[in-house]
């Protein structure tokens, strides 16, 4: 098993935080809308147990 690298973990946390905060600051993520979209695969409807959001 690969050894845990603290520097890589810290860099991932920093880049992830910057990415998420940039998305919210830019207004890219504002809201979600629930709809009755039907999902099909090869012409057959797929029943969804839970909503996608």
N, C-alpha and C. Protein backbone atom coordinates (compact mmCIF):
# COMPACT_ATOMS: atom_id res chain seq x y z
N UNK A 1 0.84 -1.17 0.00
CA UNK A 1 0.00 0.00 0.00
C UNK A 1 0.89 1.25 0.00
N UNK A 2 0.45 2.27 -0.71
CA UNK A 2 1.24 3.48 -0.84
C UNK A 2 1.21 4.29 0.46
N UNK A 3 2.37 4.87 0.80
CA UNK A 3 2.50 5.67 2.02
C UNK A 3 1.70 6.97 1.88
N UNK A 4 1.07 7.38 2.95
CA UNK A 4 0.29 8.62 2.97
C UNK A 4 1.22 9.81 2.85
N UNK A 5 0.98 10.67 1.88
CA UNK A 5 1.82 11.83 1.64
C UNK A 5 1.08 13.09 2.07
N UNK A 6 1.55 13.72 3.13
CA UNK A 6 0.89 14.89 3.71
C UNK A 6 0.92 16.06 2.74
N UNK A 7 2.01 16.25 2.01
CA UNK A 7 2.12 17.37 1.07
C UNK A 7 1.08 17.25 -0.04
N UNK A 8 0.90 16.05 -0.58
CA UNK A 8 -0.09 15.85 -1.63
C UNK A 8 -1.50 16.09 -1.11
N UNK A 9 -1.77 15.62 0.10
CA UNK A 9 -3.09 15.82 0.70
C UNK A 9 -3.36 17.31 0.91
N UNK A 10 -2.37 18.03 1.44
CA UNK A 10 -2.54 19.47 1.68
C UNK A 10 -2.75 20.22 0.37
N UNK A 11 -2.01 19.85 -0.66
CA UNK A 11 -2.18 20.50 -1.96
C UNK A 11 -3.57 20.22 -2.52
N UNK A 12 -4.08 19.00 -2.35
CA UNK A 12 -5.42 18.66 -2.81
C UNK A 12 -6.49 19.45 -2.09
N UNK A 13 -6.32 19.62 -0.78
CA UNK A 13 -7.29 20.40 -0.01
C UNK A 13 -7.28 21.86 -0.46
N UNK A 14 -6.09 22.41 -0.67
CA UNK A 14 -5.99 23.82 -1.09
C UNK A 14 -6.63 24.01 -2.46
N UNK A 15 -6.27 23.17 -3.44
CA UNK A 15 -6.82 23.31 -4.78
C UNK A 15 -8.32 23.05 -4.81
N UNK A 16 -8.79 22.10 -4.03
CA UNK A 16 -10.23 21.83 -3.96
C UNK A 16 -11.00 23.00 -3.38
N UNK A 17 -10.47 23.59 -2.33
CA UNK A 17 -11.11 24.74 -1.70
C UNK A 17 -11.15 25.93 -2.65
N UNK A 18 -10.06 26.17 -3.34
CA UNK A 18 -10.01 27.27 -4.30
C UNK A 18 -11.01 27.02 -5.43
N UNK A 19 -11.09 25.81 -5.92
CA UNK A 19 -12.01 25.50 -7.01
C UNK A 19 -13.46 25.67 -6.61
N UNK A 20 -13.84 25.18 -5.45
CA UNK A 20 -15.22 25.30 -5.00
C UNK A 20 -15.58 26.75 -4.71
N UNK A 21 -14.68 27.49 -4.05
CA UNK A 21 -14.98 28.88 -3.75
C UNK A 21 -15.06 29.72 -5.02
N UNK A 22 -14.26 29.38 -6.02
CA UNK A 22 -14.33 30.10 -7.30
C UNK A 22 -15.66 29.84 -7.98
N UNK A 23 -16.13 28.60 -7.94
CA UNK A 23 -17.41 28.27 -8.57
C UNK A 23 -18.56 29.03 -7.91
N UNK A 24 -18.56 29.11 -6.59
CA UNK A 24 -19.61 29.84 -5.90
C UNK A 24 -19.49 31.34 -6.11
N UNK A 25 -18.27 31.86 -6.11
CA UNK A 25 -18.06 33.30 -6.29
C UNK A 25 -18.45 33.75 -7.69
N UNK A 26 -18.25 32.89 -8.66
CA UNK A 26 -18.58 33.24 -10.04
C UNK A 26 -20.08 33.13 -10.30
N UNK A 27 -20.82 32.57 -9.37
CA UNK A 27 -22.26 32.44 -9.55
C UNK A 27 -22.64 31.25 -10.41
N UNK A 28 -21.71 30.34 -10.62
CA UNK A 28 -21.97 29.17 -11.45
C UNK A 28 -22.94 28.18 -10.80
N UNK A 29 -22.94 28.11 -9.50
CA UNK A 29 -23.82 27.19 -8.78
C UNK A 29 -24.80 28.04 -7.99
N UNK A 30 -26.04 28.13 -8.46
CA UNK A 30 -27.01 28.98 -7.78
C UNK A 30 -28.15 28.17 -7.18
N UNK A 31 -28.69 27.25 -7.94
CA UNK A 31 -29.81 26.48 -7.43
C UNK A 31 -29.97 25.20 -8.24
N UNK A 32 -30.81 24.33 -7.76
CA UNK A 32 -31.12 23.09 -8.46
C UNK A 32 -32.63 23.00 -8.65
N UNK A 33 -33.04 22.44 -9.77
CA UNK A 33 -34.46 22.31 -10.08
C UNK A 33 -34.79 20.84 -10.23
N UNK A 34 -35.82 20.38 -9.53
CA UNK A 34 -36.28 19.01 -9.63
C UNK A 34 -37.23 18.92 -10.81
N UNK A 35 -37.03 17.92 -11.68
CA UNK A 35 -37.90 17.75 -12.82
C UNK A 35 -38.27 16.27 -12.99
N UNK A 36 -39.21 16.00 -13.86
CA UNK A 36 -39.67 14.63 -14.11
C UNK A 36 -39.03 14.07 -15.38
N UNK A 37 -37.74 14.18 -15.49
CA UNK A 37 -37.03 13.68 -16.67
C UNK A 37 -36.96 12.16 -16.58
N UNK A 38 -37.26 11.49 -17.69
CA UNK A 38 -37.18 10.03 -17.76
C UNK A 38 -35.81 9.64 -18.30
N UNK A 39 -35.18 8.67 -17.66
CA UNK A 39 -33.87 8.19 -18.09
C UNK A 39 -34.06 6.91 -18.88
N UNK A 40 -33.47 6.85 -20.07
CA UNK A 40 -33.57 5.64 -20.89
C UNK A 40 -32.18 5.15 -21.28
N UNK A 41 -32.05 3.84 -21.43
CA UNK A 41 -30.81 3.21 -21.86
C UNK A 41 -31.16 2.20 -22.93
N UNK A 42 -30.68 2.42 -24.13
CA UNK A 42 -30.98 1.55 -25.28
C UNK A 42 -32.49 1.41 -25.49
N UNK A 43 -33.21 2.49 -25.30
CA UNK A 43 -34.65 2.49 -25.53
C UNK A 43 -35.49 1.99 -24.37
N UNK A 44 -34.89 1.46 -23.33
CA UNK A 44 -35.63 0.96 -22.17
C UNK A 44 -35.55 1.98 -21.04
N UNK A 45 -36.70 2.27 -20.43
CA UNK A 45 -36.74 3.23 -19.33
C UNK A 45 -36.07 2.63 -18.10
N UNK A 46 -35.26 3.46 -17.42
CA UNK A 46 -34.61 3.03 -16.20
C UNK A 46 -35.32 3.66 -15.00
N UNK A 47 -35.87 2.85 -14.11
CA UNK A 47 -36.49 3.43 -12.92
C UNK A 47 -35.42 3.90 -11.95
N UNK A 48 -35.59 5.11 -11.44
CA UNK A 48 -34.64 5.67 -10.49
C UNK A 48 -35.23 5.56 -9.09
N UNK A 49 -34.46 4.95 -8.17
CA UNK A 49 -34.93 4.79 -6.81
C UNK A 49 -34.94 6.11 -6.06
N UNK A 50 -33.97 6.98 -6.39
CA UNK A 50 -33.84 8.27 -5.72
C UNK A 50 -33.72 9.35 -6.78
N UNK A 51 -34.10 10.57 -6.46
CA UNK A 51 -33.87 11.68 -7.39
C UNK A 51 -32.37 11.89 -7.62
N UNK A 52 -32.01 12.49 -8.73
CA UNK A 52 -30.62 12.71 -9.04
C UNK A 52 -29.96 13.78 -8.19
N UNK A 53 -30.77 14.64 -7.55
CA UNK A 53 -30.18 15.66 -6.67
C UNK A 53 -30.60 15.43 -5.24
